[in-house]
Amino acid sequence: MRKVNIILIIICVQVFSMHTCHAGLFDSIRKIFSSSKENRIGDNTIISALKETISIGTDNAIKSVSVKDGYLDNQPIKINVPENFKIITDGLRKIGYQKQVDDFILSMNRAAEKAAPIAKSIFIDAIKEITFEDAKNILNGGNTAATDYFRIKTNENLYDNFKPIVSAKVNEVGATRYYKEILNKFKFLPFMKSESFDLDHHVTNKALEGLFFMIGEEEKKIRTDPKARVTELLERVFKEQ
């Protein structure tokens, strides 16, 4: 029984590496998970180890996007203008307003960077709510099972908390001013119809998409890199054996 509990703890701390294991092993683990309560003495320890592992991934993701140019210099999550607005900015670039367009894009990304840290407390609350059933689902899930869990659990709350901050920051960093300047410049372009978009909504959505993308990348790293899975809890478990 002691050995079974050790295996469960290690597997849960290494929750994201299931694709590297033999299917037969996971069939056995699933049977253990679904067994009677007396055979799951280490549930609390298992969940604690899982929470600690997930905390590392989310914390790393938040830190990576919160720094200067955390969004801007990361092409997969860089916030650009919407496709239906791109014809405007492309037209402005061609007639000499490239700096204004670049300043607008920069200001949107700056606003996202400044809003990102608020996610930490929301993720902490979500991690606290992880149940044994959640742990099983994450363990048995795909490459981004934990990321998908957090997206479902936190996206609405994150949006509600992000948007006011984004709204304040887009004004603070000048995004709104650049946006209005672009629209004013565009009025003078011939044969083109001006379009607008909800700036706060756009930046908020893109900021969250970028954050979850980075959480997914951290999850994949934890799955494939043993060093990324090491926690003090795991080290303590080994020392006690």
Protein backbone atom coordinates (compact mmCIF):
# COMPACT_ATOMS: atom_id res chain seq x y z
CA MET A 1 0.00 0.00 0.00
CA ARG A 2 2.83 2.39 0.79
CA LYS A 3 4.33 1.79 -2.64
CA VAL A 4 0.95 2.37 -4.31
CA ASN A 5 0.60 5.76 -2.59
CA ILE A 6 4.12 6.76 -3.66
CA ILE A 7 3.30 5.89 -7.27
CA LEU A 8 0.09 7.92 -7.14
CA ILE A 9 1.88 10.97 -5.75
CA ILE A 10 4.64 10.81 -8.35
CA ILE A 11 2.18 10.35 -11.20
CA CYS A 12 0.07 13.31 -10.09
CA VAL A 13 3.09 15.56 -9.66
CA GLN A 14 4.11 14.47 -13.13
CA VAL A 15 0.51 14.82 -14.26
CA PHE A 16 1.38 16.25 -17.64
CA SER A 17 3.68 13.44 -18.75
CA MET A 18 1.10 10.69 -19.24
CA HIS A 19 1.71 10.34 -22.97
CA THR A 20 5.20 9.01 -22.27
CA CYS A 21 3.94 6.12 -20.14
CA HIS A 22 2.80 2.68 -21.16
CA ALA A 23 -0.98 2.38 -21.55
CA GLY A 24 -1.10 -0.63 -19.24
CA LEU A 25 0.34 1.40 -16.37
CA PHE A 26 -2.37 4.01 -16.71
CA ASP A 27 -5.06 1.35 -16.87
CA SER A 28 -3.81 0.19 -13.46
CA ILE A 29 -3.70 3.75 -12.11
CA ARG A 30 -7.26 4.42 -13.23
CA LYS A 31 -8.41 1.30 -11.38
CA ILE A 32 -6.67 2.56 -8.24
CA PHE A 33 -8.30 5.97 -8.63
CA SER A 34 -11.75 4.38 -8.94
CA SER A 35 -11.26 1.96 -6.04
CA SER A 36 -12.81 2.27 -2.59
CA LYS A 37 -11.93 5.13 -0.28
CA GLU A 38 -9.77 3.03 2.00
CA ASN A 39 -7.48 2.34 -0.96
CA ARG A 40 -7.01 6.06 -1.57
CA ILE A 41 -5.41 7.07 1.71
CA GLY A 42 -3.12 9.58 -0.03
CA ASP A 43 -5.83 11.64 -1.78
CA ASN A 44 -5.00 14.90 0.02
CA THR A 45 -1.30 14.51 -0.66
CA ILE A 46 -1.97 13.67 -4.29
CA ILE A 47 -4.16 16.75 -4.79
CA SER A 48 -1.63 18.95 -2.98
CA ALA A 49 1.12 17.73 -5.28
CA LEU A 50 -1.04 18.37 -8.34
CA LYS A 51 -1.95 21.88 -7.15
CA GLU A 52 1.70 22.70 -6.55
CA THR A 53 2.67 21.48 -10.01
CA ILE A 54 -0.10 23.48 -11.70
CA SER A 55 0.80 26.57 -9.67
CA ILE A 56 4.29 26.51 -11.16
CA GLY A 57 2.98 26.46 -14.72
CA THR A 58 0.43 29.24 -14.27
CA ASP A 59 2.84 31.43 -12.31
CA ASN A 60 5.50 31.10 -15.01
CA ALA A 61 2.97 31.97 -17.70
CA ILE A 62 1.73 35.07 -15.88
CA LYS A 63 5.27 36.27 -15.26
CA SER A 64 6.24 35.79 -18.90
CA VAL A 65 3.42 38.00 -20.22
CA SER A 66 3.56 40.62 -17.46
CA VAL A 67 7.06 41.87 -18.28
CA LYS A 68 7.78 44.65 -20.75
CA ASP A 69 7.19 43.35 -24.29
CA GLY A 70 5.81 40.10 -22.84
CA TYR A 71 3.08 40.27 -25.45
CA LEU A 72 4.66 42.50 -28.06
CA ASP A 73 7.81 40.42 -28.64
CA ASN A 74 6.00 37.08 -28.49
CA GLN A 75 4.60 36.61 -31.99
CA PRO A 76 2.02 33.90 -31.15
CA ILE A 77 0.33 36.19 -28.60
CA LYS A 78 1.17 39.68 -29.91
CA ILE A 79 -1.98 41.80 -30.02
CA ASN A 80 -2.63 43.25 -33.46
CA VAL A 81 -5.59 45.07 -34.93
CA PRO A 82 -8.58 42.91 -35.94
CA GLU A 83 -8.67 41.65 -39.51
CA ASN A 84 -11.60 43.91 -40.43
CA PHE A 85 -9.57 46.90 -39.22
CA LYS A 86 -6.32 45.86 -40.85
CA ILE A 87 -7.26 47.36 -44.21
CA ILE A 88 -7.30 50.73 -42.46
CA THR A 89 -3.91 50.39 -40.84
CA ASP A 90 -2.38 48.93 -44.00
CA GLY A 91 -3.67 51.91 -45.94
CA LEU A 92 -2.28 54.35 -43.39
CA ARG A 93 1.14 52.71 -43.48
CA LYS A 94 1.27 53.20 -47.24
CA ILE A 95 0.68 56.94 -46.97
CA GLY A 96 3.25 57.62 -44.26
CA TYR A 97 1.51 56.90 -40.97
CA GLN A 98 3.47 53.81 -40.02
CA LYS A 99 4.64 55.26 -36.69
CA GLN A 100 1.09 56.04 -35.60
CA VAL A 101 -0.02 52.50 -36.42
CA ASP A 102 2.98 51.00 -34.61
CA ASP A 103 2.32 53.21 -31.58
CA PHE A 104 -1.29 52.02 -31.52
CA ILE A 105 -0.28 48.34 -31.60
CA LEU A 106 2.39 48.97 -28.95
CA SER A 107 -0.12 50.64 -26.64
CA MET A 108 -2.58 47.71 -26.89
CA ASN A 109 0.16 45.27 -25.91
CA ARG A 110 1.30 47.50 -23.06
CA ALA A 111 -2.25 47.51 -21.69
CA ALA A 112 -2.37 43.69 -21.78
CA GLU A 113 0.98 43.44 -19.97
CA LYS A 114 -0.26 45.69 -17.20
CA ALA A 115 -3.52 43.77 -16.77
CA ALA A 116 -1.99 40.28 -16.72
CA PRO A 117 -0.88 40.17 -13.03
CA ILE A 118 -4.51 40.27 -11.86
CA ALA A 119 -4.85 36.71 -13.14
CA LYS A 120 -2.65 35.33 -10.37
CA SER A 121 -5.19 35.66 -7.55
CA ILE A 122 -7.95 34.28 -9.76
CA PHE A 123 -5.88 31.23 -10.66
CA ILE A 124 -4.96 30.71 -7.01
CA ASP A 125 -8.67 30.57 -6.14
CA ALA A 126 -9.29 28.09 -8.97
CA ILE A 127 -6.41 25.89 -7.84
CA LYS A 128 -7.83 25.79 -4.31
CA GLU A 129 -11.09 24.39 -5.72
CA ILE A 130 -9.49 21.41 -7.48
CA THR A 131 -11.17 18.21 -6.31
CA PHE A 132 -10.04 14.62 -6.54
CA GLU A 133 -12.36 14.19 -9.54
CA ASP A 134 -10.76 17.22 -11.20
CA ALA A 135 -7.35 15.68 -10.54
CA LYS A 136 -8.41 12.46 -12.24
CA ASN A 137 -9.75 14.35 -15.27
CA ILE A 138 -6.54 16.34 -15.61
CA LEU A 139 -4.43 13.23 -15.18
CA ASN A 140 -6.40 11.36 -17.83
CA GLY A 141 -6.73 14.34 -20.16
CA GLY A 142 -4.79 15.49 -23.19
CA ASN A 143 -1.72 17.70 -23.62
CA THR A 144 -3.51 20.81 -22.34
CA ALA A 145 -5.96 19.26 -19.88
CA ALA A 146 -4.98 21.61 -17.05
CA THR A 147 -5.12 24.65 -19.33
CA ASP A 148 -8.58 23.62 -20.52
CA TYR A 149 -9.66 23.20 -16.90
CA PHE A 150 -8.55 26.73 -16.05
CA ARG A 151 -10.11 28.20 -19.18
CA ILE A 152 -13.50 26.76 -18.20
CA LYS A 153 -13.14 27.67 -14.53
CA THR A 154 -11.73 31.17 -14.84
CA ASN A 155 -12.33 32.73 -18.27
CA GLU A 156 -15.53 34.58 -17.36
CA ASN A 157 -14.12 35.81 -14.07
CA LEU A 158 -10.87 36.83 -15.75
CA TYR A 159 -12.71 38.77 -18.43
CA ASP A 160 -14.79 40.64 -15.86
CA ASN A 161 -11.64 41.53 -13.90
CA PHE A 162 -9.42 42.20 -16.90
CA LYS A 163 -11.69 44.53 -18.83
CA PRO A 164 -11.82 47.43 -16.31
CA ILE A 165 -8.03 47.29 -15.97
CA VAL A 166 -7.57 47.13 -19.73
CA SER A 167 -9.98 50.03 -20.16
CA ALA A 168 -7.96 52.14 -17.72
CA LYS A 169 -4.63 51.05 -19.17
CA VAL A 170 -5.52 51.66 -22.82
CA ASN A 171 -6.24 55.23 -21.83
CA GLU A 172 -3.15 55.46 -19.64
CA VAL A 173 -0.79 54.17 -22.32
CA GLY A 174 -2.49 56.15 -25.07
CA ALA A 175 -4.21 53.36 -26.99
CA THR A 176 -7.51 55.23 -27.19
CA ARG A 177 -5.80 58.37 -28.43
CA TYR A 178 -3.90 56.45 -31.11
CA TYR A 179 -7.08 54.65 -32.10
CA LYS A 180 -8.95 57.93 -32.58
CA GLU A 181 -6.03 59.41 -34.48
CA ILE A 182 -6.02 56.44 -36.83
CA LEU A 183 -9.74 56.78 -37.49
CA ASN A 184 -9.35 60.50 -38.11
CA LYS A 185 -6.50 59.91 -40.55
CA PHE A 186 -8.50 57.22 -42.28
CA LYS A 187 -11.38 59.58 -43.03
CA PHE A 188 -9.23 61.23 -45.66
CA LEU A 189 -8.39 58.05 -47.55
CA PRO A 190 -10.42 57.92 -50.77
CA PHE A 191 -12.76 55.06 -51.69
CA MET A 192 -12.52 53.41 -48.28
CA LYS A 193 -15.21 53.08 -45.64
CA SER A 194 -14.24 53.61 -42.02
CA GLU A 195 -14.86 50.76 -39.58
CA SER A 196 -14.51 50.69 -35.83
CA PHE A 197 -14.25 48.04 -33.13
CA ASP A 198 -14.64 47.78 -29.38
CA LEU A 199 -11.07 48.48 -28.33
CA ASP A 200 -11.44 47.37 -24.69
CA HIS A 201 -13.16 44.13 -25.66
CA HIS A 202 -10.58 43.37 -28.33
CA VAL A 203 -7.56 43.91 -26.06
CA THR A 204 -9.18 42.01 -23.18
CA ASN A 205 -9.98 38.97 -25.34
CA LYS A 206 -6.56 38.91 -26.96
CA ALA A 207 -4.82 39.35 -23.61
CA LEU A 208 -6.67 36.32 -22.22
CA GLU A 209 -6.08 34.25 -25.35
CA GLY A 210 -2.37 35.00 -25.05
CA LEU A 211 -2.31 34.14 -21.36
CA PHE A 212 -3.98 30.77 -21.89
CA PHE A 213 -1.67 30.07 -24.82
CA MET A 214 1.33 30.58 -22.54
CA ILE A 215 -0.22 28.43 -19.81
CA GLY A 216 -0.64 25.71 -22.42
CA GLU A 217 3.02 26.06 -23.39
CA GLU A 218 4.05 25.72 -19.74
CA GLU A 219 1.86 22.64 -19.43
CA LYS A 220 3.53 21.04 -22.43
CA LYS A 221 6.92 21.85 -20.92
CA ILE A 222 5.95 20.16 -17.67
CA ARG A 223 4.83 17.13 -19.66
CA THR A 224 8.13 16.75 -21.50
CA ASP A 225 10.81 18.22 -19.23
CA PRO A 226 11.42 16.33 -15.96
CA LYS A 227 13.19 19.37 -14.51
CA ALA A 228 10.02 21.42 -14.91
CA ARG A 229 8.12 18.90 -12.81
CA VAL A 230 10.36 19.05 -9.73
CA THR A 231 8.74 20.56 -6.64
CA GLU A 232 9.67 20.68 -2.97
CA LEU A 233 6.73 18.41 -2.26
CA LEU A 234 8.07 15.74 -4.59
CA GLU A 235 11.56 16.04 -3.11
CA ARG A 236 10.13 15.65 0.39
CA VAL A 237 8.18 12.57 -0.64
CA PHE A 238 11.36 10.93 -1.93
CA LYS A 239 13.28 11.79 1.25
CA GLU A 240 10.63 10.24 3.44
CA GLN A 241 10.83 6.90 1.68
